[in-house]
PDB file of N, CA and C in Angstrom:
ATOM      1  N   MET A   1       0.861  -1.248  -0.373  1.00  0.00           N
ATOM      2  CA  MET A   1      -0.043   0.302  -0.015  1.00  0.00           C
ATOM      3  C   MET A   1       1.089   1.173  -0.079  1.00  0.00           C
ATOM      4  N   SER A   2       0.284   2.140  -0.594  1.00  0.00           N
ATOM      5  CA  SER A   2       0.999   3.610  -1.314  1.00  0.00           C
ATOM      6  C   SER A   2       0.944   4.509  -0.158  1.00  0.00           C
ATOM      7  N   THR A   3       1.627   4.942   0.820  1.00  0.00           N
ATOM      8  CA  THR A   3       1.789   5.888   1.643  1.00  0.00           C
ATOM      9  C   THR A   3       2.432   7.501   0.554  1.00  0.00           C
ATOM     10  N   ARG A   4       1.861   7.405  -0.523  1.00  0.00           N
ATOM     11  CA  ARG A   4       1.501   9.076  -0.842  1.00  0.00           C
ATOM     12  C   ARG A   4       0.646   9.281  -1.620  1.00  0.00           C
ATOM     13  N   PRO A   5       0.100  10.499  -0.925  1.00  0.00           N
ATOM     14  CA  PRO A   5      -0.795  11.198  -0.871  1.00  0.00           C
ATOM     15  C   PRO A   5      -2.174  10.564  -2.306  1.00  0.00           C
ATOM     16  N   LEU A   6      -3.526  10.292  -2.318  1.00  0.00           N
ATOM     17  CA  LEU A   6      -3.568  10.397  -3.865  1.00  0.00           C
ATOM     18  C   LEU A   6      -4.688  11.482  -4.003  1.00  0.00           C
ATOM     19  N   ILE A   7      -3.872  11.975  -5.505  1.00  0.00           N
ATOM     20  CA  ILE A   7      -4.983  13.099  -5.953  1.00  0.00           C
ATOM     21  C   ILE A   7      -5.696  12.750  -7.049  1.00  0.00           C
ATOM     22  N   SER A   8      -7.223  12.766  -6.837  1.00  0.00           N
ATOM     23  CA  SER A   8      -8.130  12.394  -7.879  1.00  0.00           C
ATOM     24  C   SER A   8      -8.511  13.618  -8.705  1.00  0.00           C
ATOM     25  N   VAL A   9      -8.403  12.929 -10.196  1.00  0.00           N
ATOM     26  CA  VAL A   9      -8.621  14.339 -11.393  1.00  0.00           C
ATOM     27  C   VAL A   9      -9.974  14.124 -11.345  1.00  0.00           C
ATOM     28  N   VAL A  10     -10.804  14.645 -11.849  1.00  0.00           N
ATOM     29  CA  VAL A  10     -12.054  14.578 -12.494  1.00  0.00           C
ATOM     30  C   VAL A  10     -12.626  15.914 -13.247  1.00  0.00           C
ATOM     31  N   ASP A  11     -12.336  14.999 -14.739  1.00  0.00           N
ATOM     32  CA  ASP A  11     -12.770  16.348 -16.023  1.00  0.00           C
ATOM     33  C   ASP A  11     -12.909  15.703 -16.276  1.00  0.00           C
ATOM     34  N   ASP A  12     -13.829  16.199 -17.667  1.00  0.00           N
ATOM     35  CA  ASP A  12     -14.959  15.810 -18.703  1.00  0.00           C
ATOM     36  C   ASP A  12     -13.735  15.442 -19.804  1.00  0.00           C
ATOM     37  N   ASP A  13     -12.862  16.026 -19.878  1.00  0.00           N
ATOM     38  CA  ASP A  13     -11.905  16.570 -20.876  1.00  0.00           C
ATOM     39  C   ASP A  13     -10.507  15.139 -21.085  1.00  0.00           C
ATOM     40  N   GLU A  14     -11.003  14.097 -21.592  1.00  0.00           N
ATOM     41  CA  GLU A  14      -9.782  12.777 -22.387  1.00  0.00           C
ATOM     42  C   GLU A  14      -8.846  13.523 -22.367  1.00  0.00           C
ATOM     43  N   SER A  15      -8.321  14.437 -22.840  1.00  0.00           N
ATOM     44  CA  SER A  15      -6.423  14.962 -22.671  1.00  0.00           C
ATOM     45  C   SER A  15      -5.976  14.985 -21.084  1.00  0.00           C
ATOM     46  N   VAL A  16      -7.268  15.873 -20.090  1.00  0.00           N
ATOM     47  CA  VAL A  16      -6.340  16.268 -19.056  1.00  0.00           C
ATOM     48  C   VAL A  16      -6.608  14.695 -18.342  1.00  0.00           C
ATOM     49  N   ARG A  17      -7.478  14.171 -18.480  1.00  0.00           N
ATOM     50  CA  ARG A  17      -7.320  12.863 -17.851  1.00  0.00           C
ATOM     51  C   ARG A  17      -6.376  12.024 -18.013  1.00  0.00           C
ATOM     52  N   GLU A  18      -5.757  12.218 -19.149  1.00  0.00           N
ATOM     53  CA  GLU A  18      -4.734  11.658 -19.506  1.00  0.00           C
ATOM     54  C   GLU A  18      -3.443  11.969 -19.358  1.00  0.00           C
ATOM     55  N   SER A  19      -3.093  13.222 -19.122  1.00  0.00           N
ATOM     56  CA  SER A  19      -1.835  13.890 -18.830  1.00  0.00           C
ATOM     57  C   SER A  19      -1.320  14.586 -17.626  1.00  0.00           C
ATOM     58  N   LEU A  20      -2.734  14.931 -16.922  1.00  0.00           N
ATOM     59  CA  LEU A  20      -2.990  15.155 -15.490  1.00  0.00           C
ATOM     60  C   LEU A  20      -1.879  14.412 -14.219  1.00  0.00           C
ATOM     61  N   PRO A  21      -2.603  13.226 -14.118  1.00  0.00           N
ATOM     62  CA  PRO A  21      -2.446  11.665 -13.267  1.00  0.00           C
ATOM     63  C   PRO A  21      -0.766  11.376 -13.460  1.00  0.00           C
ATOM     64  N   ASP A  22      -0.306  11.369 -15.124  1.00  0.00           N
ATOM     65  CA  ASP A  22       1.524  11.645 -15.124  1.00  0.00           C
ATOM     66  C   ASP A  22       2.329  12.160 -14.914  1.00  0.00           C
ATOM     67  N   LEU A  23       1.422  13.721 -14.790  1.00  0.00           N
ATOM     68  CA  LEU A  23       2.441  14.780 -14.275  1.00  0.00           C
ATOM     69  C   LEU A  23       2.174  14.735 -12.802  1.00  0.00           C
ATOM     70  N   LEU A  24       1.464  14.467 -12.013  1.00  0.00           N
ATOM     71  CA  LEU A  24       1.240  14.043 -10.324  1.00  0.00           C
ATOM     72  C   LEU A  24       2.182  12.999 -10.028  1.00  0.00           C
ATOM     73  N   LYS A  25       2.487  12.117 -10.863  1.00  0.00           N
ATOM     74  CA  LYS A  25       3.028  11.372 -10.602  1.00  0.00           C
ATOM     75  C   LYS A  25       4.487  11.352 -10.320  1.00  0.00           C
ATOM     76  N   GLU A  26       4.314  12.721 -11.250  1.00  0.00           N
ATOM     77  CA  GLU A  26       6.368  12.768 -11.399  1.00  0.00           C
ATOM     78  C   GLU A  26       6.726  13.649  -9.959  1.00  0.00           C
ATOM     79  N   PHE A  27       5.556  14.125 -10.042  1.00  0.00           N
ATOM     80  CA  PHE A  27       5.345  14.762  -8.649  1.00  0.00           C
ATOM     81  C   PHE A  27       5.354  14.266  -6.895  1.00  0.00           C
ATOM     82  N   GLY A  28       5.272  12.994  -7.312  1.00  0.00           N
ATOM     83  CA  GLY A  28       5.387  12.086  -5.929  1.00  0.00           C
ATOM     84  C   GLY A  28       4.094  11.970  -5.563  1.00  0.00           C
ATOM     85  N   PHE A  29       2.810  11.996  -6.195  1.00  0.00           N
ATOM     86  CA  PHE A  29       1.802  11.725  -5.707  1.00  0.00           C
ATOM     87  C   PHE A  29       1.248  10.634  -6.732  1.00  0.00           C
ATOM     88  N   ASP A  30       0.182   9.769  -5.561  1.00  0.00           N
ATOM     89  CA  ASP A  30      -0.473   8.562  -6.609  1.00  0.00           C
ATOM     90  C   ASP A  30      -1.870   9.084  -7.039  1.00  0.00           C
ATOM     91  N   ALA A  31      -2.340   9.496  -8.225  1.00  0.00           N
ATOM     92  CA  ALA A  31      -3.057   9.944  -8.978  1.00  0.00           C
ATOM     93  C   ALA A  31      -4.533   8.987 -10.131  1.00  0.00           C
ATOM     94  N   GLN A  32      -5.131   9.142  -9.363  1.00  0.00           N
ATOM     95  CA  GLN A  32      -6.408   8.510 -10.230  1.00  0.00           C
ATOM     96  C   GLN A  32      -7.811   9.343 -11.358  1.00  0.00           C
ATOM     97  N   ALA A  33      -8.070   9.584 -12.475  1.00  0.00           N
ATOM     98  CA  ALA A  33      -8.725  10.099 -13.160  1.00  0.00           C
ATOM     99  C   ALA A  33     -10.266   9.465 -13.521  1.00  0.00           C
ATOM    100  N   PHE A  34     -10.834  10.457 -13.210  1.00  0.00           N
ATOM    101  CA  PHE A  34     -12.360  10.114 -13.187  1.00  0.00           C
ATOM    102  C   PHE A  34     -13.011  10.892 -14.556  1.00  0.00           C
ATOM    103  N   SER A  35     -13.706  10.619 -15.274  1.00  0.00           N
ATOM    104  CA  SER A  35     -14.553  11.267 -16.668  1.00  0.00           C
ATOM    105  C   SER A  35     -15.842  12.524 -15.604  1.00  0.00           C
ATOM    106  N   SER A  36     -16.149  11.597 -14.768  1.00  0.00           N
ATOM    107  CA  SER A  36     -17.154  12.699 -14.195  1.00  0.00           C
ATOM    108  C   SER A  36     -17.661  12.810 -12.692  1.00  0.00           C
ATOM    109  N   ALA A  37     -18.374  13.599 -12.388  1.00  0.00           N
ATOM    110  CA  ALA A  37     -18.150  13.805 -10.705  1.00  0.00           C
ATOM    111  C   ALA A  37     -18.939  12.501 -10.036  1.00  0.00           C
ATOM    112  N   GLU A  38     -20.226  12.142 -10.642  1.00  0.00           N
ATOM    113  CA  GLU A  38     -20.666  10.365 -10.784  1.00  0.00           C
ATOM    114  C   GLU A  38     -19.750   9.039 -10.505  1.00  0.00           C
ATOM    115  N   GLU A  39     -18.890   9.895 -11.472  1.00  0.00           N
ATOM    116  CA  GLU A  39     -18.094   8.364 -11.294  1.00  0.00           C
ATOM    117  C   GLU A  39     -17.373   8.749  -9.997  1.00  0.00           C
ATOM    118  N   PHE A  40     -16.620   9.823 -10.288  1.00  0.00           N
ATOM    119  CA  PHE A  40     -16.129   9.616  -8.712  1.00  0.00           C
ATOM    120  C   PHE A  40     -16.956   9.091  -7.271  1.00  0.00           C
ATOM    121  N   LEU A  41     -18.071  10.073  -7.373  1.00  0.00           N
ATOM    122  CA  LEU A  41     -18.664   9.732  -6.044  1.00  0.00           C
ATOM    123  C   LEU A  41     -19.425   8.144  -6.010  1.00  0.00           C
ATOM    124  N   ALA A  42     -19.001   6.877  -6.722  1.00  0.00           N
ATOM    125  CA  ALA A  42     -19.089   6.181  -7.007  1.00  0.00           C
ATOM    126  C   ALA A  42     -18.091   4.850  -6.811  1.00  0.00           C
ATOM    127  N   SER A  43     -16.647   5.684  -6.754  1.00  0.00           N
ATOM    128  CA  SER A  43     -15.656   4.683  -6.450  1.00  0.00           C
ATOM    129  C   SER A  43     -15.080   4.708  -5.054  1.00  0.00           C
ATOM    130  N   ASP A  44     -14.216   3.762  -4.998  1.00  0.00           N
ATOM    131  CA  ASP A  44     -13.697   3.945  -3.853  1.00  0.00           C
ATOM    132  C   ASP A  44     -12.887   4.821  -3.286  1.00  0.00           C
ATOM    133  N   SER A  45     -12.229   5.899  -4.648  1.00  0.00           N
ATOM    134  CA  SER A  45     -10.960   6.313  -4.145  1.00  0.00           C
ATOM    135  C   SER A  45     -11.933   7.485  -2.860  1.00  0.00           C
ATOM    136  N   VAL A  46     -12.975   7.728  -3.109  1.00  0.00           N
ATOM    137  CA  VAL A  46     -13.741   9.176  -2.310  1.00  0.00           C
ATOM    138  C   VAL A  46     -13.225   9.067  -1.135  1.00  0.00           C
ATOM    139  N   SER A  47     -12.588   7.804  -0.372  1.00  0.00           N
ATOM    140  CA  SER A  47     -12.502   7.371   1.091  1.00  0.00           C
ATOM    141  C   SER A  47     -11.220   7.803   1.275  1.00  0.00           C
ATOM    142  N   GLN A  48      -9.939   7.383  -0.143  1.00  0.00           N
ATOM    143  CA  GLN A  48      -8.744   7.981   0.053  1.00  0.00           C
ATOM    144  C   GLN A  48      -8.064   8.801  -0.403  1.00  0.00           C
ATOM    145  N   THR A  49      -9.162  10.073  -1.143  1.00  0.00           N
ATOM    146  CA  THR A  49      -8.632  11.124  -2.221  1.00  0.00           C
ATOM    147  C   THR A  49      -7.831  12.029  -0.829  1.00  0.00           C
ATOM    148  N   SER A  50      -7.077  12.555  -0.989  1.00  0.00           N
ATOM    149  CA  SER A  50      -6.493  13.547  -0.202  1.00  0.00           C
ATOM    150  C   SER A  50      -6.145  15.436  -0.966  1.00  0.00           C
ATOM    151  N   CYS A  51      -6.964  15.096  -2.222  1.00  0.00           N
ATOM    152  CA  CYS A  51      -7.043  16.117  -2.861  1.00  0.00           C
ATOM    153  C   CYS A  51      -7.739  15.570  -3.942  1.00  0.00           C
ATOM    154  N   LEU A  52      -8.419  17.023  -4.501  1.00  0.00           N
ATOM    155  CA  LEU A  52      -9.630  16.241  -5.248  1.00  0.00           C
ATOM    156  C   LEU A  52      -8.781  18.200  -6.928  1.00  0.00           C
ATOM    157  N   LEU A  53      -8.217  17.238  -7.777  1.00  0.00           N
ATOM    158  CA  LEU A  53      -8.358  18.143  -8.890  1.00  0.00           C
ATOM    159  C   LEU A  53      -9.506  18.518  -9.850  1.00  0.00           C
ATOM    160  N   LEU A  54     -10.692  19.319  -9.888  1.00  0.00           N
ATOM    161  CA  LEU A  54     -11.920  19.284 -10.009  1.00  0.00           C
ATOM    162  C   LEU A  54     -12.270  20.075 -11.262  1.00  0.00           C
ATOM    163  N   ASP A  55     -12.594  19.737 -12.291  1.00  0.00           N
ATOM    164  CA  ASP A  55     -13.052  20.693 -13.764  1.00  0.00           C
ATOM    165  C   ASP A  55     -14.411  21.280 -13.000  1.00  0.00           C
ATOM    166  N   VAL A  56     -14.650  22.787 -13.478  1.00  0.00           N
ATOM    167  CA  VAL A  56     -15.601  23.603 -13.479  1.00  0.00           C
ATOM    168  C   VAL A  56     -17.006  23.310 -13.371  1.00  0.00           C
ATOM    169  N   ALA A  57     -16.716  22.885 -15.282  1.00  0.00           N
ATOM    170  CA  ALA A  57     -18.087  23.153 -15.921  1.00  0.00           C
ATOM    171  C   ALA A  57     -17.982  21.448 -16.582  1.00  0.00           C
ATOM    172  N   MET A  58     -18.727  20.526 -16.507  1.00  0.00           N
ATOM    173  CA  MET A  58     -18.779  19.032 -16.676  1.00  0.00           C
ATOM    174  C   MET A  58     -20.616  18.802 -16.936  1.00  0.00           C
ATOM    175  N   PRO A  59     -21.591  18.086 -18.015  1.00  0.00           N
ATOM    176  CA  PRO A  59     -21.650  17.698 -18.175  1.00  0.00           C
ATOM    177  C   PRO A  59     -22.635  16.664 -16.898  1.00  0.00           C
ATOM    178  N   GLY A  60     -23.605  17.021 -16.473  1.00  0.00           N
ATOM    179  CA  GLY A  60     -24.393  16.344 -15.269  1.00  0.00           C
ATOM    180  C   GLY A  60     -23.711  16.978 -14.434  1.00  0.00           C
ATOM    181  N   MET A  61     -23.396  16.448 -13.043  1.00  0.00           N
ATOM    182  CA  MET A  61     -22.418  17.068 -11.933  1.00  0.00           C
ATOM    183  C   MET A  61     -21.780  18.038 -12.128  1.00  0.00           C
ATOM    184  N   THR A  62     -21.700  19.144 -12.160  1.00  0.00           N
ATOM    185  CA  THR A  62     -20.848  20.136 -12.193  1.00  0.00           C
ATOM    186  C   THR A  62     -19.649  19.676 -10.599  1.00  0.00           C
ATOM    187  N   GLY A  63     -18.969  20.332 -11.061  1.00  0.00           N
ATOM    188  CA  GLY A  63     -17.637  20.596 -10.173  1.00  0.00           C
ATOM    189  C   GLY A  63     -17.763  21.450  -8.372  1.00  0.00           C
ATOM    190  N   PRO A  64     -18.854  22.424  -8.643  1.00  0.00           N
ATOM    191  CA  PRO A  64     -19.562  22.770  -7.574  1.00  0.00           C
ATOM    192  C   PRO A  64     -20.559  22.125  -6.821  1.00  0.00           C
ATOM    193  N   ASP A  65     -21.247  21.257  -7.818  1.00  0.00           N
ATOM    194  CA  ASP A  65     -22.345  20.575  -6.989  1.00  0.00           C
ATOM    195  C   ASP A  65     -21.675  19.136  -6.342  1.00  0.00           C
ATOM    196  N   LEU A  66     -20.496  19.115  -6.888  1.00  0.00           N
ATOM    197  CA  LEU A  66     -19.777  17.836  -6.395  1.00  0.00           C
ATOM    198  C   LEU A  66     -19.157  18.039  -4.825  1.00  0.00           C
ATOM    199  N   GLN A  67     -18.809  19.550  -5.385  1.00  0.00           N
ATOM    200  CA  GLN A  67     -17.867  20.414  -3.765  1.00  0.00           C
ATOM    201  C   GLN A  67     -19.563  19.848  -2.776  1.00  0.00           C
ATOM    202  N   ARG A  68     -20.748  20.405  -3.161  1.00  0.00           N
ATOM    203  CA  ARG A  68     -21.644  20.845  -2.108  1.00  0.00           C
ATOM    204  C   ARG A  68     -21.574  18.991  -1.630  1.00  0.00           C
ATOM    205  N   GLU A  69     -21.860  18.196  -2.631  1.00  0.00           N
ATOM    206  CA  GLU A  69     -22.393  16.862  -2.368  1.00  0.00           C
ATOM    207  C   GLU A  69     -21.746  16.121  -1.351  1.00  0.00           C
ATOM    208  N   LEU A  70     -19.882  16.889  -1.422  1.00  0.00           N
ATOM    209  CA  LEU A  70     -19.219  16.148  -0.592  1.00  0.00           C
ATOM    210  C   LEU A  70     -19.330  16.815   0.899  1.00  0.00           C
ATOM    211  N   THR A  71     -20.042  18.505   0.758  1.00  0.00           N
ATOM    212  CA  THR A  71     -20.004  19.068   1.903  1.00  0.00           C
ATOM    213  C   THR A  71     -21.414  18.133   2.763  1.00  0.00           C
ATOM    214  N   ILE A  72     -21.955  17.915   1.891  1.00  0.00           N
ATOM    215  CA  ILE A  72     -23.569  17.321   2.746  1.00  0.00           C
ATOM    216  C   ILE A  72     -22.817  15.928   3.021  1.00  0.00           C
ATOM    217  N   GLN A  73     -22.035  15.223   2.331  1.00  0.00           N
ATOM    218  CA  GLN A  73     -21.511  14.018   2.806  1.00  0.00           C
ATOM    219  C   GLN A  73     -20.766  13.654   4.260  1.00  0.00           C
ATOM    220  N   ARG A  74     -20.458  14.981   4.405  1.00  0.00           N
ATOM    221  CA  ARG A  74     -19.135  15.371   5.606  1.00  0.00           C
ATOM    222  C   ARG A  74     -17.616  14.768   4.773  1.00  0.00           C
ATOM    223  N   ARG A  75     -17.888  14.797   3.975  1.00  0.00           N
ATOM    224  CA  ARG A  75     -16.147  14.369   3.547  1.00  0.00           C
ATOM    225  C   ARG A  75     -15.129  16.212   3.265  1.00  0.00           C
ATOM    226  N   ASP A  76     -14.524  15.742   4.106  1.00  0.00           N
ATOM    227  CA  ASP A  76     -13.656  17.502   3.921  1.00  0.00           C
ATOM    228  C   ASP A  76     -12.475  16.744   3.113  1.00  0.00           C
ATOM    229  N   ILE A  77     -12.589  16.885   1.856  1.00  0.00           N
ATOM    230  CA  ILE A  77     -11.657  16.538   0.724  1.00  0.00           C
ATOM    231  C   ILE A  77     -11.008  17.921   0.581  1.00  0.00           C
ATOM    232  N   PRO A  78      -9.860  18.880   0.491  1.00  0.00           N
ATOM    233  CA  PRO A  78      -9.266  19.671  -0.534  1.00  0.00           C
ATOM    234  C   PRO A  78      -9.425  19.570  -1.930  1.00  0.00           C
ATOM    235  N   ILE A  79      -9.944  20.975  -2.239  1.00  0.00           N
ATOM    236  CA  ILE A  79     -10.409  20.861  -3.199  1.00  0.00           C
ATOM    237  C   ILE A  79      -9.674  21.763  -4.378  1.00  0.00           C
ATOM    238  N   VAL A  80      -8.603  21.777  -5.495  1.00  0.00           N
ATOM    239  CA  VAL A  80      -8.754  22.672  -6.361  1.00  0.00           C
ATOM    240  C   VAL A  80      -9.452  22.523  -7.963  1.00  0.00           C
ATOM    241  N   PHE A  81      -9.962  23.700  -7.976  1.00  0.00           N
ATOM    242  CA  PHE A  81     -10.641  23.406  -9.115  1.00  0.00           C
ATOM    243  C   PHE A  81     -10.050  23.872 -10.174  1.00  0.00           C
ATOM    244  N   ILE A  82     -10.285  23.681 -11.596  1.00  0.00           N
ATOM    245  CA  ILE A  82      -9.586  24.139 -12.689  1.00  0.00           C
ATOM    246  C   ILE A  82     -10.855  24.017 -13.571  1.00  0.00           C
ATOM    247  N   THR A  83     -10.368  24.833 -14.956  1.00  0.00           N
ATOM    248  CA  THR A  83     -11.017  25.283 -15.624  1.00  0.00           C
ATOM    249  C   THR A  83     -10.752  26.053 -16.958  1.00  0.00           C
ATOM    250  N   ALA A  84     -11.203  26.194 -17.945  1.00  0.00           N
ATOM    251  CA  ALA A  84     -11.076  26.679 -19.199  1.00  0.00           C
ATOM    252  C   ALA A  84     -12.469  28.069 -19.443  1.00  0.00           C
ATOM    253  N   HIS A  85     -12.926  27.827 -18.752  1.00  0.00           N
ATOM    254  CA  HIS A  85     -13.583  29.145 -18.609  1.00  0.00           C
ATOM    255  C   HIS A  85     -12.988  30.052 -17.421  1.00  0.00           C
ATOM    256  N   ARG A  86     -12.674  31.778 -18.533  1.00  0.00           N
ATOM    257  CA  ARG A  86     -12.007  32.575 -17.502  1.00  0.00           C
ATOM    258  C   ARG A  86     -13.232  33.603 -17.953  1.00  0.00           C
ATOM    259  N   ASP A  87     -13.792  33.714 -16.360  1.00  0.00           N
ATOM    260  CA  ASP A  87     -14.642  34.583 -15.692  1.00  0.00           C
ATOM    261  C   ASP A  87     -14.295  34.938 -14.317  1.00  0.00           C
ATOM    262  N   ASP A  88     -14.029  36.338 -14.561  1.00  0.00           N
ATOM    263  CA  ASP A  88     -13.459  36.671 -13.070  1.00  0.00           C
ATOM    264  C   ASP A  88     -14.185  36.893 -11.656  1.00  0.00           C
ATOM    265  N   THR A  89     -15.142  36.261 -12.149  1.00  0.00           N
ATOM    266  CA  THR A  89     -16.426  35.736 -10.961  1.00  0.00           C
ATOM    267  C   THR A  89     -16.219  35.015 -10.628  1.00  0.00           C
ATOM    268  N   VAL A  90     -16.171  33.798 -11.521  1.00  0.00           N
ATOM    269  CA  VAL A  90     -15.809  32.055 -11.000  1.00  0.00           C
ATOM    270  C   VAL A  90     -14.592  32.052  -9.303  1.00  0.00           C
ATOM    271  N   ARG A  91     -13.346  32.716 -10.249  1.00  0.00           N
ATOM    272  CA  ARG A  91     -12.426  31.994  -8.596  1.00  0.00           C
ATOM    273  C   ARG A  91     -12.577  32.661  -7.598  1.00  0.00           C
ATOM    274  N   PRO A  92     -13.195  33.848  -6.923  1.00  0.00           N
ATOM    275  CA  PRO A  92     -13.461  34.554  -5.908  1.00  0.00           C
ATOM    276  C   PRO A  92     -14.630  33.272  -5.181  1.00  0.00           C
ATOM    277  N   ARG A  93     -15.518  33.221  -6.554  1.00  0.00           N
ATOM    278  CA  ARG A  93     -16.675  32.490  -5.649  1.00  0.00           C
ATOM    279  C   ARG A  93     -16.156  30.856  -5.264  1.00  0.00           C
ATOM    280  N   LEU A  94     -15.486  30.559  -5.818  1.00  0.00           N
ATOM    281  CA  LEU A  94     -15.443  29.080  -5.774  1.00  0.00           C
ATOM    282  C   LEU A  94     -14.373  29.094  -4.474  1.00  0.00           C
ATOM    283  N   LEU A  95     -13.790  30.084  -4.017  1.00  0.00           N
ATOM    284  CA  LEU A  95     -12.441  30.152  -3.149  1.00  0.00           C
ATOM    285  C   LEU A  95     -13.498  30.966  -1.963  1.00  0.00           C
ATOM    286  N   ALA A  96     -14.492  31.210  -2.210  1.00  0.00           N
ATOM    287  CA  ALA A  96     -15.535  31.430  -1.208  1.00  0.00           C
ATOM    288  C   ALA A  96     -16.378  30.661  -0.616  1.00  0.00           C
ATOM    289  N   GLN A  97     -16.600  29.340  -1.141  1.00  0.00           N
ATOM    290  CA  GLN A  97     -17.575  28.574  -1.157  1.00  0.00           C
ATOM    291  C   GLN A  97     -16.275  27.061  -0.156  1.00  0.00           C
ATOM    292  N   GLY A  98     -14.855  27.498  -0.626  1.00  0.00           N
ATOM    293  CA  GLY A  98     -14.005  26.763   0.284  1.00  0.00           C
ATOM    294  C   GLY A  98     -13.103  26.360  -0.619  1.00  0.00           C
ATOM    295  N   ALA A  99     -13.243  26.224  -2.113  1.00  0.00           N
ATOM    296  CA  ALA A  99     -11.832  26.015  -2.195  1.00  0.00           C
ATOM    297  C   ALA A  99     -10.310  26.005  -2.171  1.00  0.00           C
ATOM    298  N   VAL A 100      -9.689  25.508  -2.382  1.00  0.00           N
ATOM    299  CA  VAL A 100      -8.226  26.140  -1.756  1.00  0.00           C
ATOM    300  C   VAL A 100      -7.725  26.629  -3.023  1.00  0.00           C
ATOM    301  N   GLU A 101      -8.155  26.576  -4.534  1.00  0.00           N
ATOM    302  CA  GLU A 101      -7.498  27.370  -5.387  1.00  0.00           C
ATOM    303  C   GLU A 101      -8.156  26.923  -7.032  1.00  0.00           C
ATOM    304  N   CYS A 102      -7.907  27.956  -7.637  1.00  0.00           N
ATOM    305  CA  CYS A 102      -8.850  27.846  -8.829  1.00  0.00           C
ATOM    306  C   CYS A 102      -7.747  28.122  -9.631  1.00  0.00           C
ATOM    307  N   LEU A 103      -7.285  27.042 -10.701  1.00  0.00           N
ATOM    308  CA  LEU A 103      -6.714  27.578 -12.080  1.00  0.00           C
ATOM    309  C   LEU A 103      -7.148  27.494 -13.429  1.00  0.00           C
ATOM    310  N   PHE A 104      -6.853  28.584 -13.835  1.00  0.00           N
ATOM    311  CA  PHE A 104      -7.345  28.481 -15.517  1.00  0.00           C
ATOM    312  C   PHE A 104      -6.489  27.923 -16.229  1.00  0.00           C
ATOM    313  N   LYS A 105      -7.112  27.182 -17.136  1.00  0.00           N
ATOM    314  CA  LYS A 105      -6.482  26.456 -18.495  1.00  0.00           C
ATOM    315  C   LYS A 105      -5.933  27.131 -19.273  1.00  0.00           C
ATOM    316  N   PRO A 106      -5.080  27.291 -19.965  1.00  0.00           N
ATOM    317  CA  PRO A 106      -3.993  26.154 -19.253  1.00  0.00           C
ATOM    318  C   PRO A 106      -3.230  26.894 -18.360  1.00  0.00           C
ATOM    319  N   PHE A 107      -2.770  26.071 -16.816  1.00  0.00           N
ATOM    320  CA  PHE A 107      -1.927  26.741 -16.204  1.00  0.00           C
ATOM    321  C   PHE A 107      -0.398  25.616 -15.718  1.00  0.00           C
ATOM    322  N   THR A 108       0.452  26.798 -15.025  1.00  0.00           N
ATOM    323  CA  THR A 108       2.213  26.027 -15.398  1.00  0.00           C
ATOM    324  C   THR A 108       2.161  25.247 -14.121  1.00  0.00           C
ATOM    325  N   GLU A 109       2.810  23.804 -14.161  1.00  0.00           N
ATOM    326  CA  GLU A 109       3.235  22.844 -13.334  1.00  0.00           C
ATOM    327  C   GLU A 109       3.433  23.687 -12.162  1.00  0.00           C
ATOM    328  N   THR A 110       4.255  24.393 -11.830  1.00  0.00           N
ATOM    329  CA  THR A 110       5.004  25.325 -10.824  1.00  0.00           C
ATOM    330  C   THR A 110       3.143  25.724  -9.833  1.00  0.00           C
ATOM    331  N   ASP A 111       1.828  26.228 -10.624  1.00  0.00           N
ATOM    332  CA  ASP A 111       0.811  26.959 -10.200  1.00  0.00           C
ATOM    333  C   ASP A 111       0.451  25.284  -9.950  1.00  0.00           C
ATOM    334  N   LEU A 112       0.628  24.497 -10.607  1.00  0.00           N
ATOM    335  CA  LEU A 112      -0.432  23.551 -10.319  1.00  0.00           C
ATOM    336  C   LEU A 112      -0.090  23.332  -8.340  1.00  0.00           C
ATOM    337  N   LEU A 113       1.491  23.049  -8.519  1.00  0.00           N
ATOM    338  CA  LEU A 113       2.301  21.726  -6.944  1.00  0.00           C
ATOM    339  C   LEU A 113       1.922  23.507  -6.181  1.00  0.00           C
ATOM    340  N   ALA A 114       2.344  24.409  -6.202  1.00  0.00           N
ATOM    341  CA  ALA A 114       2.061  25.213  -5.549  1.00  0.00           C
ATOM    342  C   ALA A 114       0.159  24.892  -4.884  1.00  0.00           C
ATOM    343  N   ALA A 115      -0.233  24.592  -5.726  1.00  0.00           N
ATOM    344  CA  ALA A 115      -1.525  24.609  -4.842  1.00  0.00           C
ATOM    345  C   ALA A 115      -1.737  23.145  -4.424  1.00  0.00           C
ATOM    346  N   LEU A 116      -1.124  22.156  -5.017  1.00  0.00           N
ATOM    347  CA  LEU A 116      -1.522  20.744  -4.211  1.00  0.00           C
ATOM    348  C   LEU A 116      -0.672  21.259  -2.944  1.00  0.00           C
ATOM    349  N   ASN A 117      -0.193  21.842  -2.734  1.00  0.00           N
ATOM    350  CA  ASN A 117       0.867  21.930  -1.607  1.00  0.00           C
ATOM    351  C   ASN A 117       0.319  22.519  -0.624  1.00  0.00           C
ATOM    352  N   THR A 118      -0.162  23.646  -1.144  1.00  0.00           N
ATOM    353  CA  THR A 118      -1.475  24.239  -0.334  1.00  0.00           C
ATOM    354  C   THR A 118      -2.584  23.824   0.409  1.00  0.00           C
ATOM    355  N   ALA A 119      -2.810  22.816  -0.970  1.00  0.00           N
ATOM    356  CA  ALA A 119      -4.409  22.003  -0.270  1.00  0.00           C
ATOM    357  C   ALA A 119      -3.927  20.929   0.572  1.00  0.00           C
ATOM    358  N   LEU A 120      -2.835  20.531   0.119  1.00  0.00           N
ATOM    359  CA  LEU A 120      -1.943  19.049   1.601  1.00  0.00           C
ATOM    360  C   LEU A 120      -1.302  19.633   2.304  1.00  0.00           C
ATOM    361  N   ARG A 121      -1.021  20.957   2.541  1.00  0.00           N
ATOM    362  CA  ARG A 121      -0.377  21.540   3.586  1.00  0.00           C
ATOM    363  C   ARG A 121       0.832  20.993   3.834  1.00  0.00           C
ATOM    364  N   ILE A 122       1.885  20.988   2.622  1.00  0.00           N
ATOM    365  CA  ILE A 122       3.191  20.491   2.436  1.00  0.00           C
ATOM    366  C   ILE A 122       4.080  21.379   2.761  1.00  0.00           C
TER     367      ILE A 122
END
């Protein structure tokens, strides 16, 4: 069993689900990718996830919807939102609702690692 933190990536974009886990593993984390919030909620990874990299806009349950559901379930998983939609109101709103960070795609490796370190308090 690994002692490395598990970072779960939830994004409907296949290229993100393929590239981010590899990068996260290079950073020294375990990583798991999910194509939807519903898929993540149905997985065994929910209870093992140390941090969630979560897309804001997805078909079905959105990132903020998943954040609310995790709160209802009393699962305290730090969330770093990622989004391709540049809207100046999105980031402040998500941070006010408890997100650790909100990164706009494309983001740098440095910004991602800084957000994860903050989320995990490394």
